[in-house]
N, C-alpha and C. Protein backbone atom coordinates (compact mmCIF):
# COMPACT_ATOMS: atom_id res chain seq x y z
N MET A 1 30.77 -46.14 25.96
CA MET A 1 30.65 -45.35 24.96
C MET A 1 31.81 -45.60 23.91
N LYS A 2 33.03 -45.90 24.29
CA LYS A 2 34.09 -46.25 23.33
C LYS A 2 33.60 -47.41 22.53
N ASN A 3 33.13 -48.43 22.89
CA ASN A 3 32.53 -49.55 22.04
C ASN A 3 31.58 -49.32 21.20
N LEU A 4 30.55 -48.36 21.75
CA LEU A 4 29.42 -47.91 20.93
C LEU A 4 29.96 -47.15 19.56
N LEU A 5 30.92 -46.40 19.89
CA LEU A 5 31.31 -45.48 18.70
C LEU A 5 32.16 -46.36 17.84
N LYS A 6 32.71 -47.48 18.16
CA LYS A 6 33.46 -48.26 17.25
C LYS A 6 32.56 -48.97 16.34
N LYS A 7 31.14 -49.29 16.92
CA LYS A 7 30.30 -50.19 16.21
C LYS A 7 29.47 -49.25 15.36
N SER A 8 29.50 -47.79 15.34
CA SER A 8 28.65 -46.95 14.75
C SER A 8 28.94 -46.80 13.24
N SER A 9 27.97 -46.84 12.38
CA SER A 9 28.16 -46.87 10.89
C SER A 9 28.67 -45.52 10.43
N PRO A 10 29.24 -45.35 9.21
CA PRO A 10 29.64 -44.12 8.55
C PRO A 10 28.34 -43.11 8.49
N VAL A 11 27.28 -43.69 8.30
CA VAL A 11 25.98 -42.89 8.16
C VAL A 11 25.75 -42.15 9.44
N ALA A 12 25.91 -42.93 10.67
CA ALA A 12 25.77 -42.34 11.98
C ALA A 12 26.63 -41.24 12.32
N TRP A 13 28.02 -41.44 11.77
CA TRP A 13 28.91 -40.39 12.13
C TRP A 13 28.59 -39.31 11.31
N PHE A 14 28.28 -39.40 10.04
CA PHE A 14 27.80 -38.17 9.17
C PHE A 14 26.52 -37.38 9.91
N LEU A 15 25.60 -37.99 10.30
CA LEU A 15 24.38 -37.64 10.83
C LEU A 15 24.80 -36.83 12.17
N LEU A 16 25.56 -37.43 12.87
CA LEU A 16 25.97 -36.90 14.18
C LEU A 16 26.71 -35.52 13.92
N GLY A 17 27.64 -35.54 12.92
CA GLY A 17 28.50 -34.27 12.50
C GLY A 17 27.35 -33.15 12.18
N VAL A 18 26.41 -33.52 11.30
CA VAL A 18 25.41 -32.53 10.79
C VAL A 18 24.66 -31.84 11.94
N LEU A 19 24.25 -32.67 12.82
CA LEU A 19 23.29 -32.31 13.85
C LEU A 19 23.96 -31.50 15.02
N VAL A 20 25.18 -31.65 15.10
CA VAL A 20 25.76 -30.96 16.32
C VAL A 20 26.03 -29.51 15.93
N ALA A 21 25.63 -28.55 16.80
CA ALA A 21 25.80 -27.25 16.56
C ALA A 21 27.19 -26.60 17.11
N GLY A 22 27.41 -25.30 16.62
CA GLY A 22 28.65 -24.76 17.18
C GLY A 22 29.79 -24.99 16.26
N GLY A 23 30.97 -24.69 16.81
CA GLY A 23 32.04 -24.91 16.09
C GLY A 23 33.06 -23.99 16.41
N THR A 24 34.34 -24.25 15.95
CA THR A 24 35.55 -23.36 16.04
C THR A 24 35.63 -22.50 14.62
N GLY A 25 35.05 -22.90 13.61
CA GLY A 25 35.17 -22.09 12.40
C GLY A 25 36.37 -22.72 11.69
N THR A 26 37.03 -23.56 12.14
CA THR A 26 38.33 -24.26 11.37
C THR A 26 37.88 -25.02 10.19
N ALA A 27 38.31 -24.78 9.06
CA ALA A 27 37.96 -25.52 7.89
C ALA A 27 38.95 -26.82 7.83
N TYR A 28 38.31 -27.98 7.46
CA TYR A 28 39.21 -29.12 7.20
C TYR A 28 38.87 -29.53 5.73
N ALA A 29 39.91 -29.85 4.97
CA ALA A 29 39.75 -30.25 3.69
C ALA A 29 40.56 -31.35 3.45
N ALA A 30 39.85 -32.70 3.16
CA ALA A 30 40.61 -33.86 2.96
C ALA A 30 39.52 -34.84 2.23
N ASN A 31 39.65 -35.12 0.89
CA ASN A 31 38.93 -36.04 0.39
C ASN A 31 39.09 -37.41 0.82
N GLY A 32 38.03 -37.97 1.48
CA GLY A 32 38.21 -39.38 1.97
C GLY A 32 38.48 -39.35 3.53
N GLY A 33 38.65 -38.18 3.98
CA GLY A 33 38.97 -37.94 5.51
C GLY A 33 37.66 -37.96 6.33
N THR A 34 38.07 -37.77 7.60
CA THR A 34 36.84 -37.78 8.55
C THR A 34 36.06 -36.44 8.50
N PHE A 35 34.69 -36.67 8.75
CA PHE A 35 33.83 -35.44 8.95
C PHE A 35 34.20 -34.88 10.32
N LYS A 36 34.49 -33.71 10.39
CA LYS A 36 34.91 -33.02 11.67
C LYS A 36 33.58 -32.22 12.29
N LEU A 37 33.36 -32.78 13.55
CA LEU A 37 32.22 -32.31 14.38
C LEU A 37 32.32 -30.90 14.71
N GLY A 38 31.39 -30.17 14.51
CA GLY A 38 31.38 -28.71 15.12
C GLY A 38 32.50 -27.84 14.46
N ALA A 39 32.74 -28.16 13.25
CA ALA A 39 33.75 -27.36 12.33
C ALA A 39 33.37 -27.30 10.97
N SER A 40 33.93 -26.29 10.25
CA SER A 40 33.65 -26.32 8.87
C SER A 40 34.39 -27.37 8.06
N ASN A 41 33.74 -28.07 7.07
CA ASN A 41 34.46 -29.08 6.37
C ASN A 41 34.36 -28.78 4.87
N SER A 42 35.29 -29.05 4.19
CA SER A 42 35.31 -28.85 2.76
C SER A 42 36.07 -30.06 2.21
N ALA A 43 35.75 -30.05 0.71
CA ALA A 43 36.31 -31.18 -0.14
C ALA A 43 36.23 -30.72 -1.57
N THR A 44 36.85 -31.18 -2.39
CA THR A 44 37.00 -31.03 -3.77
C THR A 44 36.21 -31.86 -4.65
N LYS A 45 35.56 -32.80 -3.97
CA LYS A 45 34.71 -33.82 -4.63
C LYS A 45 33.31 -33.85 -4.03
N THR A 46 32.36 -34.33 -4.73
CA THR A 46 30.90 -34.56 -4.00
C THR A 46 31.02 -35.54 -3.02
N THR A 47 30.26 -35.19 -1.95
CA THR A 47 30.04 -36.17 -0.88
C THR A 47 28.83 -36.71 -0.98
N THR A 48 28.68 -37.97 -0.94
CA THR A 48 27.34 -38.78 -1.25
C THR A 48 27.10 -39.59 0.15
N LEU A 49 25.72 -39.55 0.56
CA LEU A 49 25.39 -40.26 1.65
C LEU A 49 24.24 -41.31 1.23
N THR A 50 24.43 -42.52 1.28
CA THR A 50 23.48 -43.52 0.91
C THR A 50 23.03 -44.44 2.14
N ASN A 51 21.79 -44.59 2.03
CA ASN A 51 21.21 -45.60 3.19
C ASN A 51 20.39 -46.52 2.23
N THR A 52 20.60 -47.71 2.18
CA THR A 52 20.06 -48.70 1.24
C THR A 52 18.67 -49.36 1.81
N THR A 53 18.50 -48.97 3.18
CA THR A 53 17.26 -49.50 3.67
C THR A 53 16.46 -48.42 4.37
N GLY A 54 16.68 -47.09 4.02
CA GLY A 54 15.78 -46.22 4.48
C GLY A 54 16.13 -44.75 4.06
N THR A 55 15.73 -43.81 4.93
CA THR A 55 16.10 -42.41 4.75
C THR A 55 17.58 -42.08 4.99
N ALA A 56 18.26 -41.38 4.04
CA ALA A 56 19.76 -41.18 4.16
C ALA A 56 19.94 -40.12 5.12
N LEU A 57 19.07 -39.09 5.29
CA LEU A 57 19.51 -38.05 6.04
C LEU A 57 18.40 -37.33 6.86
N ARG A 58 18.45 -37.08 7.95
CA ARG A 58 17.45 -36.29 8.66
C ARG A 58 18.11 -35.15 9.47
N LEU A 59 17.43 -33.92 9.46
CA LEU A 59 18.01 -32.84 9.95
C LEU A 59 17.09 -32.43 11.03
N ASN A 60 17.33 -32.16 12.26
CA ASN A 60 16.57 -31.64 13.22
C ASN A 60 17.07 -30.09 13.74
N ALA A 61 16.03 -29.46 13.95
CA ALA A 61 16.49 -27.95 14.53
C ALA A 61 15.14 -27.56 15.35
N PRO A 62 15.64 -26.52 16.23
CA PRO A 62 14.57 -25.85 17.00
C PRO A 62 13.39 -25.38 15.99
N SER A 63 12.11 -25.25 16.56
CA SER A 63 11.02 -24.97 15.82
C SER A 63 11.12 -23.50 15.10
N THR A 64 12.13 -22.68 15.75
CA THR A 64 12.16 -21.24 15.17
C THR A 64 13.35 -21.32 14.30
N LYS A 65 14.13 -22.33 14.01
CA LYS A 65 15.15 -22.31 13.13
C LYS A 65 14.96 -23.28 11.93
N ALA A 66 15.69 -22.82 10.85
CA ALA A 66 15.42 -23.82 9.57
C ALA A 66 16.46 -25.02 9.81
N PRO A 67 16.03 -26.15 9.35
CA PRO A 67 16.83 -27.22 9.58
C PRO A 67 18.08 -27.41 8.70
N LEU A 68 17.91 -26.55 7.50
CA LEU A 68 19.05 -26.58 6.39
C LEU A 68 19.15 -25.32 5.99
N SER A 69 20.43 -24.88 5.58
CA SER A 69 20.74 -23.63 4.99
C SER A 69 21.48 -23.95 3.76
N VAL A 70 21.30 -23.33 2.72
CA VAL A 70 22.18 -23.40 1.44
C VAL A 70 22.97 -22.32 0.97
N GLY A 71 23.21 -21.20 1.84
CA GLY A 71 23.97 -20.37 1.55
C GLY A 71 23.13 -19.45 0.51
N THR A 72 24.25 -18.51 -0.12
CA THR A 72 23.65 -17.61 -1.11
C THR A 72 23.50 -17.97 -2.53
N ASN A 73 23.89 -19.20 -2.82
CA ASN A 73 24.05 -19.66 -4.23
C ASN A 73 22.55 -19.78 -4.66
N LYS A 74 22.12 -19.24 -5.66
CA LYS A 74 20.78 -19.27 -6.29
C LYS A 74 20.69 -20.19 -7.48
N THR A 75 21.61 -20.99 -7.53
CA THR A 75 21.67 -22.00 -8.82
C THR A 75 20.56 -23.09 -8.42
N LYS A 76 19.74 -23.34 -9.52
CA LYS A 76 18.65 -24.43 -9.30
C LYS A 76 19.07 -25.63 -8.85
N VAL A 77 18.61 -26.30 -7.99
CA VAL A 77 18.89 -27.57 -7.43
C VAL A 77 18.01 -28.70 -8.04
N PRO A 78 18.44 -29.53 -9.00
CA PRO A 78 17.57 -30.55 -9.60
C PRO A 78 16.96 -31.28 -8.58
N ASN A 79 15.55 -31.55 -8.68
CA ASN A 79 14.64 -32.44 -7.87
C ASN A 79 14.52 -31.82 -6.51
N LEU A 80 14.94 -30.58 -6.28
CA LEU A 80 14.74 -30.07 -4.98
C LEU A 80 14.06 -28.82 -5.13
N ASN A 81 14.39 -27.82 -5.98
CA ASN A 81 13.71 -26.54 -5.96
C ASN A 81 12.25 -26.72 -6.37
N ALA A 82 11.37 -26.08 -5.76
CA ALA A 82 9.84 -25.93 -6.03
C ALA A 82 9.65 -25.29 -7.40
N ASP A 83 9.77 -26.07 -8.49
CA ASP A 83 9.71 -25.44 -9.77
C ASP A 83 8.44 -25.63 -10.41
N LEU A 84 7.54 -26.40 -9.87
CA LEU A 84 6.42 -26.72 -10.42
C LEU A 84 5.23 -26.53 -9.48
N LEU A 85 3.99 -26.09 -9.89
CA LEU A 85 2.76 -25.96 -8.90
C LEU A 85 1.65 -27.04 -9.53
N ASP A 86 1.43 -27.96 -8.70
CA ASP A 86 0.42 -28.94 -9.38
C ASP A 86 0.79 -29.55 -10.48
N GLY A 87 2.20 -29.73 -10.86
CA GLY A 87 2.74 -30.31 -11.93
C GLY A 87 2.77 -29.30 -13.15
N LYS A 88 2.52 -28.09 -12.93
CA LYS A 88 2.53 -26.93 -14.02
C LYS A 88 3.74 -26.00 -13.73
N ASP A 89 4.38 -25.64 -15.04
CA ASP A 89 5.30 -24.69 -14.83
C ASP A 89 4.79 -23.31 -14.85
N SER A 90 5.58 -22.15 -14.41
CA SER A 90 4.93 -20.92 -14.35
C SER A 90 4.33 -20.34 -15.55
N THR A 91 4.92 -20.81 -16.89
CA THR A 91 4.45 -20.38 -18.04
C THR A 91 2.87 -20.82 -18.19
N ALA A 92 2.49 -21.72 -17.58
CA ALA A 92 1.11 -22.23 -17.60
C ALA A 92 0.18 -21.35 -16.95
N PHE A 93 0.43 -20.41 -16.22
CA PHE A 93 -0.48 -19.66 -15.34
C PHE A 93 -0.64 -18.21 -16.06
N GLN A 94 -1.81 -17.69 -15.83
CA GLN A 94 -1.98 -16.40 -16.52
C GLN A 94 -1.41 -15.17 -15.88
N PRO A 95 -0.55 -14.49 -16.47
CA PRO A 95 0.02 -13.29 -16.04
C PRO A 95 -0.90 -12.20 -15.65
N LYS A 96 -0.32 -11.09 -15.15
CA LYS A 96 -1.13 -10.00 -14.99
C LYS A 96 -2.18 -9.58 -16.05
N LEU A 97 -3.48 -9.58 -15.92
CA LEU A 97 -4.23 -9.42 -17.10
C LEU A 97 -4.20 -7.97 -17.66
N ALA A 98 -4.03 -7.09 -16.76
CA ALA A 98 -3.94 -5.78 -17.37
C ALA A 98 -3.03 -5.48 -18.41
N SER A 99 -1.83 -6.23 -18.53
CA SER A 99 -0.84 -6.08 -19.56
C SER A 99 -0.86 -7.03 -20.62
N THR A 100 -1.87 -7.98 -20.56
CA THR A 100 -1.88 -9.06 -21.63
C THR A 100 -3.20 -8.97 -22.35
N LEU A 101 -4.32 -8.59 -21.88
CA LEU A 101 -5.61 -8.52 -22.43
C LEU A 101 -5.72 -7.32 -23.36
N THR A 102 -6.32 -7.63 -24.52
CA THR A 102 -6.64 -6.43 -25.45
C THR A 102 -8.29 -6.28 -25.58
N PHE A 103 -8.61 -5.13 -24.97
CA PHE A 103 -10.21 -4.89 -24.84
C PHE A 103 -10.47 -4.21 -26.22
N GLU A 104 -11.75 -4.60 -26.54
CA GLU A 104 -12.43 -3.91 -27.66
C GLU A 104 -13.83 -3.39 -27.22
N ASN A 105 -14.21 -2.08 -27.96
CA ASN A 105 -15.43 -1.54 -27.42
C ASN A 105 -16.47 -2.33 -28.06
N VAL A 106 -17.68 -2.35 -27.59
CA VAL A 106 -19.05 -2.77 -28.07
C VAL A 106 -19.91 -1.77 -28.27
N THR A 107 -21.03 -2.00 -29.25
CA THR A 107 -21.84 -0.86 -29.62
C THR A 107 -23.21 -0.98 -28.69
N LEU A 108 -23.35 0.13 -28.05
CA LEU A 108 -24.55 0.07 -27.02
C LEU A 108 -25.93 0.10 -27.78
N ALA A 109 -26.89 -0.46 -27.46
CA ALA A 109 -28.17 -0.60 -27.97
C ALA A 109 -29.01 0.92 -27.66
N ALA A 110 -29.96 1.18 -28.30
CA ALA A 110 -30.72 2.36 -28.23
C ALA A 110 -31.15 2.56 -26.74
N GLY A 111 -30.89 3.66 -26.43
CA GLY A 111 -31.25 4.06 -25.01
C GLY A 111 -30.29 4.07 -23.86
N TRP A 112 -29.15 3.34 -24.33
CA TRP A 112 -28.14 3.11 -23.41
C TRP A 112 -26.86 4.10 -23.69
N GLY A 113 -26.27 4.47 -22.61
CA GLY A 113 -25.03 5.32 -22.77
C GLY A 113 -24.07 5.15 -21.65
N TYR A 114 -22.96 5.91 -21.72
CA TYR A 114 -21.92 5.96 -20.74
C TYR A 114 -21.26 7.29 -20.70
N GLY A 115 -20.32 7.42 -19.48
CA GLY A 115 -19.58 8.71 -19.39
C GLY A 115 -20.31 9.86 -18.95
N THR A 116 -21.80 9.74 -18.63
CA THR A 116 -22.34 10.87 -17.98
C THR A 116 -23.28 10.48 -16.85
N GLY A 117 -23.67 11.35 -16.12
CA GLY A 117 -24.57 10.93 -14.95
C GLY A 117 -23.84 10.03 -13.95
N ASN A 118 -24.54 8.96 -13.59
CA ASN A 118 -24.12 7.92 -12.72
C ASN A 118 -22.88 7.35 -13.26
N CYS A 119 -22.68 7.27 -14.58
CA CYS A 119 -21.56 6.58 -15.30
C CYS A 119 -20.56 7.21 -15.35
N SER A 120 -20.49 8.61 -15.06
CA SER A 120 -19.28 9.57 -15.31
C SER A 120 -18.38 9.15 -14.15
N PRO A 121 -17.13 8.98 -14.28
CA PRO A 121 -16.36 9.06 -15.57
C PRO A 121 -15.97 7.79 -16.25
N ASP A 122 -16.75 6.81 -15.98
CA ASP A 122 -16.24 5.50 -16.43
C ASP A 122 -16.46 5.46 -17.96
N PRO A 123 -15.52 4.52 -18.52
CA PRO A 123 -15.47 4.19 -19.83
C PRO A 123 -16.65 3.40 -20.46
N GLY A 124 -17.08 3.39 -21.57
CA GLY A 124 -18.27 2.45 -22.14
C GLY A 124 -17.76 1.09 -22.03
N PRO A 125 -18.58 0.15 -22.10
CA PRO A 125 -18.44 -1.29 -21.91
C PRO A 125 -17.31 -1.74 -22.96
N GLN A 126 -16.62 -2.69 -22.55
CA GLN A 126 -15.46 -3.24 -23.33
C GLN A 126 -15.44 -4.69 -23.04
N VAL A 127 -14.83 -5.58 -23.98
CA VAL A 127 -14.79 -6.94 -23.87
C VAL A 127 -13.20 -7.40 -24.34
N ALA A 128 -12.84 -8.48 -23.59
CA ALA A 128 -11.62 -9.07 -23.97
C ALA A 128 -11.68 -10.50 -23.68
N LYS A 129 -10.75 -11.32 -24.25
CA LYS A 129 -10.74 -12.73 -23.91
C LYS A 129 -9.16 -13.19 -23.85
N THR A 130 -8.86 -14.26 -22.93
CA THR A 130 -7.71 -14.84 -23.03
C THR A 130 -7.65 -15.92 -24.08
N ALA A 131 -6.26 -16.46 -24.20
CA ALA A 131 -6.20 -17.63 -25.26
C ALA A 131 -7.01 -18.88 -24.81
N GLU A 132 -7.18 -18.86 -23.50
CA GLU A 132 -8.04 -20.07 -23.09
C GLU A 132 -9.54 -19.84 -23.20
N GLY A 133 -10.04 -18.77 -23.67
CA GLY A 133 -11.46 -18.46 -23.91
C GLY A 133 -12.21 -18.06 -22.49
N ILE A 134 -11.44 -17.37 -21.74
CA ILE A 134 -12.12 -16.69 -20.61
C ILE A 134 -12.35 -15.15 -21.00
N VAL A 135 -13.56 -14.79 -20.93
CA VAL A 135 -14.05 -13.47 -21.34
C VAL A 135 -14.04 -12.65 -20.09
N TYR A 136 -13.58 -11.35 -20.17
CA TYR A 136 -13.51 -10.30 -19.28
C TYR A 136 -14.30 -8.99 -20.00
N MET A 137 -15.06 -8.41 -18.99
CA MET A 137 -15.63 -7.03 -19.25
C MET A 137 -15.10 -6.08 -18.35
N LYS A 138 -15.38 -4.62 -18.70
CA LYS A 138 -15.13 -3.56 -18.06
C LYS A 138 -15.91 -2.45 -18.49
N GLY A 139 -15.88 -1.49 -17.73
CA GLY A 139 -16.67 -0.18 -18.05
C GLY A 139 -18.20 -0.26 -17.36
N SER A 140 -18.99 0.78 -17.76
CA SER A 140 -20.32 0.93 -17.06
C SER A 140 -21.20 1.48 -17.98
N VAL A 141 -22.63 1.27 -17.86
CA VAL A 141 -23.67 1.81 -18.72
C VAL A 141 -24.78 2.30 -17.89
N CYS A 142 -25.45 3.25 -18.43
CA CYS A 142 -26.70 3.75 -17.85
C CYS A 142 -27.82 3.92 -19.05
N TYR A 143 -29.03 3.88 -18.53
CA TYR A 143 -30.26 3.90 -19.44
C TYR A 143 -30.89 5.33 -19.32
N SER A 144 -31.11 5.80 -20.54
CA SER A 144 -31.71 6.95 -20.68
C SER A 144 -33.18 7.10 -21.15
N GLY A 145 -33.43 5.83 -21.64
CA GLY A 145 -34.94 5.74 -22.12
C GLY A 145 -35.01 5.55 -23.53
N GLY A 146 -36.21 4.99 -24.02
CA GLY A 146 -36.19 4.75 -25.30
C GLY A 146 -35.79 3.47 -25.90
N GLY A 147 -35.46 2.77 -25.06
CA GLY A 147 -34.95 1.35 -25.55
C GLY A 147 -35.45 0.10 -24.70
N SER A 148 -34.77 -0.96 -24.68
CA SER A 148 -35.07 -2.14 -23.86
C SER A 148 -34.08 -2.48 -22.74
N ALA A 149 -34.19 -3.53 -22.19
CA ALA A 149 -33.30 -4.11 -20.95
C ALA A 149 -31.88 -4.57 -21.50
N VAL A 150 -31.88 -4.63 -23.09
CA VAL A 150 -30.76 -5.29 -23.73
C VAL A 150 -29.90 -4.00 -23.95
N MET A 151 -28.70 -4.13 -23.36
CA MET A 151 -27.69 -3.09 -23.02
C MET A 151 -26.92 -3.08 -24.50
N PHE A 152 -26.42 -4.18 -24.84
CA PHE A 152 -25.72 -4.29 -26.05
C PHE A 152 -25.56 -5.87 -26.46
N THR A 153 -25.06 -6.04 -27.74
CA THR A 153 -24.98 -7.51 -28.36
C THR A 153 -23.57 -7.68 -28.44
N LEU A 154 -23.11 -8.73 -28.07
CA LEU A 154 -21.67 -9.21 -28.06
C LEU A 154 -21.27 -9.42 -29.45
N PRO A 155 -19.84 -9.30 -30.00
CA PRO A 155 -19.40 -9.85 -31.09
C PRO A 155 -19.36 -11.44 -30.95
N ALA A 156 -19.43 -11.92 -32.03
CA ALA A 156 -19.57 -13.49 -32.22
C ALA A 156 -18.48 -14.18 -31.34
N ALA A 157 -17.24 -13.62 -31.21
CA ALA A 157 -16.17 -14.37 -30.61
C ALA A 157 -16.43 -14.45 -29.11
N TYR A 158 -17.31 -13.49 -28.71
CA TYR A 158 -17.57 -13.62 -27.11
C TYR A 158 -18.93 -14.23 -26.68
N ILE A 159 -19.60 -14.87 -27.64
CA ILE A 159 -21.02 -15.42 -27.19
C ILE A 159 -20.76 -16.81 -26.52
N PRO A 160 -21.22 -16.98 -25.44
CA PRO A 160 -21.41 -18.26 -24.64
C PRO A 160 -22.15 -19.28 -25.30
N ALA A 161 -21.85 -20.63 -25.04
CA ALA A 161 -22.70 -21.58 -25.79
C ALA A 161 -24.00 -21.69 -24.97
N ASN A 162 -24.19 -21.56 -23.70
CA ASN A 162 -25.24 -21.52 -22.79
C ASN A 162 -25.60 -20.16 -22.08
N ARG A 163 -26.68 -19.87 -21.71
CA ARG A 163 -27.11 -18.69 -21.11
C ARG A 163 -26.33 -18.47 -19.70
N VAL A 164 -25.75 -17.27 -19.55
CA VAL A 164 -24.95 -16.99 -18.36
C VAL A 164 -25.52 -15.88 -17.54
N PHE A 165 -25.63 -16.15 -16.16
CA PHE A 165 -25.98 -14.88 -15.42
C PHE A 165 -24.68 -14.61 -14.39
N VAL A 166 -24.43 -13.23 -14.42
CA VAL A 166 -23.45 -12.81 -13.67
C VAL A 166 -23.78 -11.64 -12.70
N PRO A 167 -23.50 -11.75 -11.37
CA PRO A 167 -23.86 -10.59 -10.61
C PRO A 167 -23.05 -9.32 -10.79
N VAL A 168 -23.70 -8.17 -10.74
CA VAL A 168 -22.77 -7.05 -10.98
C VAL A 168 -23.26 -5.88 -9.98
N LEU A 169 -22.59 -4.79 -10.00
CA LEU A 169 -22.99 -3.71 -9.11
C LEU A 169 -23.97 -2.78 -9.86
N VAL A 170 -25.00 -2.55 -9.18
CA VAL A 170 -25.89 -1.55 -9.79
C VAL A 170 -26.34 -0.34 -8.77
N ASP A 171 -26.91 0.57 -9.36
CA ASP A 171 -27.27 1.79 -8.56
C ASP A 171 -27.74 1.43 -7.18
N GLY A 172 -27.53 2.15 -6.04
CA GLY A 172 -28.01 1.80 -4.71
C GLY A 172 -27.07 2.24 -3.60
N PRO A 173 -25.73 1.62 -3.64
CA PRO A 173 -25.38 0.50 -4.38
C PRO A 173 -26.03 -0.69 -3.93
N ALA A 174 -26.09 -1.65 -5.06
CA ALA A 174 -26.76 -2.88 -4.64
C ALA A 174 -26.25 -4.03 -5.83
N VAL A 175 -26.55 -5.20 -5.50
CA VAL A 175 -26.21 -6.22 -6.39
C VAL A 175 -27.33 -6.63 -7.19
N GLY A 176 -27.15 -6.21 -8.55
CA GLY A 176 -27.96 -6.72 -9.48
C GLY A 176 -27.35 -8.00 -10.43
N ALA A 177 -27.59 -7.89 -11.67
CA ALA A 177 -27.25 -8.98 -12.44
C ALA A 177 -27.14 -8.63 -14.08
N ILE A 178 -26.53 -9.42 -14.76
CA ILE A 178 -26.54 -9.25 -16.20
C ILE A 178 -26.80 -10.80 -16.66
N GLU A 179 -27.75 -10.72 -17.76
CA GLU A 179 -28.03 -11.92 -18.40
C GLU A 179 -27.28 -11.94 -19.92
N ILE A 180 -26.53 -12.91 -20.20
CA ILE A 180 -25.79 -12.95 -21.54
C ILE A 180 -26.53 -14.32 -22.20
N THR A 181 -27.28 -13.98 -23.29
CA THR A 181 -27.89 -15.01 -24.03
C THR A 181 -26.93 -15.66 -25.02
N THR A 182 -27.54 -16.87 -25.74
CA THR A 182 -26.74 -17.52 -26.54
C THR A 182 -26.74 -16.84 -27.94
N ALA A 183 -27.43 -15.74 -28.00
CA ALA A 183 -27.49 -14.80 -29.16
C ALA A 183 -26.52 -13.72 -29.03
N GLY A 184 -25.93 -13.62 -27.77
CA GLY A 184 -25.03 -12.65 -27.53
C GLY A 184 -25.49 -11.33 -26.84
N ALA A 185 -26.91 -11.29 -26.65
CA ALA A 185 -27.55 -10.10 -26.04
C ALA A 185 -27.00 -10.05 -24.49
N VAL A 186 -26.73 -8.78 -24.11
CA VAL A 186 -26.34 -8.68 -22.67
C VAL A 186 -27.61 -7.70 -22.11
N ILE A 187 -28.23 -8.47 -21.06
CA ILE A 187 -29.36 -7.79 -20.52
C ILE A 187 -29.28 -7.50 -19.20
N ALA A 188 -29.80 -6.05 -18.73
CA ALA A 188 -29.74 -5.75 -17.45
C ALA A 188 -30.66 -6.15 -16.56
N ILE A 189 -30.40 -6.68 -15.40
CA ILE A 189 -31.35 -7.09 -14.36
C ILE A 189 -31.23 -6.32 -13.22
N ASP A 190 -32.60 -5.81 -12.69
CA ASP A 190 -32.51 -4.86 -11.43
C ASP A 190 -32.14 -5.60 -10.22
N ALA A 191 -31.69 -4.88 -9.22
CA ALA A 191 -31.76 -5.39 -7.99
C ALA A 191 -33.08 -5.10 -7.25
N GLY A 192 -33.43 -4.98 -6.15
CA GLY A 192 -34.63 -4.90 -5.40
C GLY A 192 -35.29 -3.68 -5.91
N SER A 193 -34.73 -2.54 -6.27
CA SER A 193 -35.18 -1.28 -6.48
C SER A 193 -35.46 -1.27 -7.97
N PRO A 194 -36.68 -1.05 -8.56
CA PRO A 194 -36.81 -1.09 -9.99
C PRO A 194 -36.31 0.05 -10.62
N GLY A 195 -35.47 -0.36 -11.82
CA GLY A 195 -34.69 0.52 -12.46
C GLY A 195 -33.34 0.86 -11.95
N SER A 196 -32.95 0.19 -11.03
CA SER A 196 -31.61 0.34 -10.50
C SER A 196 -30.44 -0.01 -11.48
N ALA A 197 -30.72 -1.05 -12.27
CA ALA A 197 -29.80 -1.42 -13.11
C ALA A 197 -29.67 -0.42 -14.41
N GLY A 198 -30.89 0.29 -14.69
CA GLY A 198 -30.73 1.39 -15.78
C GLY A 198 -30.12 2.52 -15.20
N ARG A 199 -30.24 2.78 -13.91
CA ARG A 199 -29.47 4.08 -13.48
C ARG A 199 -28.13 3.86 -13.39
N PHE A 200 -27.61 2.79 -13.21
CA PHE A 200 -26.13 2.50 -13.23
C PHE A 200 -25.80 0.93 -13.20
N THR A 201 -25.13 0.39 -14.11
CA THR A 201 -24.53 -1.02 -14.09
C THR A 201 -23.14 -0.92 -14.32
N SER A 202 -22.32 -1.44 -13.44
CA SER A 202 -20.83 -1.60 -13.63
C SER A 202 -20.75 -3.18 -14.24
N LEU A 203 -19.85 -3.10 -15.34
CA LEU A 203 -19.42 -4.42 -15.89
C LEU A 203 -17.92 -4.70 -15.43
N THR A 204 -17.48 -4.02 -14.72
CA THR A 204 -15.92 -4.32 -14.48
C THR A 204 -15.96 -5.52 -13.46
N GLY A 205 -15.26 -6.45 -13.81
CA GLY A 205 -15.08 -7.60 -13.09
C GLY A 205 -15.87 -8.89 -13.75
N VAL A 206 -16.73 -8.61 -14.63
CA VAL A 206 -17.58 -9.65 -15.25
C VAL A 206 -16.65 -10.56 -15.99
N THR A 207 -16.89 -11.90 -15.68
CA THR A 207 -15.99 -12.88 -16.38
C THR A 207 -16.77 -14.12 -16.46
N TYR A 208 -16.60 -14.92 -17.55
CA TYR A 208 -17.23 -16.14 -18.01
C TYR A 208 -16.38 -16.90 -18.87
N ALA A 209 -16.57 -18.14 -18.99
CA ALA A 209 -15.82 -18.97 -19.96
C ALA A 209 -16.72 -19.33 -21.07
N LEU A 210 -15.87 -19.27 -22.34
CA LEU A 210 -16.50 -19.93 -23.44
C LEU A 210 -16.24 -21.33 -23.65
N PRO A 211 -17.03 -21.98 -24.53
CA PRO A 211 -16.82 -23.37 -24.75
C PRO A 211 -15.37 -23.72 -25.43
N ASN A 212 -14.93 -24.88 -24.85
CA ASN A 212 -13.60 -25.25 -25.52
C ASN A 212 -13.79 -25.68 -27.04
């Protein structure tokens, strides 16, 4: 054992010191001194561990224990902190929509209304979009007669390049749909029960992408 320790590299000594648990709590401070096993060590200069042929440091711990602890310092560590997700900074992701989107009302077509009957107390249909061109809708509509399946026509800024079909909640409750045409018409589509979309159609949660 004595001969083996004599032949061990400085890297081996460092790893052995890191991996041994326990200690007396005594702190040793000496730049260029020996790394003390099982004890607190301190220095006034950065300690660097280099392995020119492979991994410089490996930490092993029980499965229920973290192999590394960095204390309470919250300063960001370059090249270590998880600062990016799929190469994107946090500013690239959409924040909470309710606080960032500005919704605007749309004008309902003849025969369609909101706020009464099955539509009470929901607001009327509203639309908004993100800077990236993702459109969101909310509100609900009900049909009272004297019109068509076209509930309303979107402002030009919200019209898709291709026809869009989106599932929505209708009376039943059941899953109906809306069709959004390239002219901006938003058309109600019944579920299995005829007239279910007219009795109640929820637009909350409707979303689609505009062309780039």
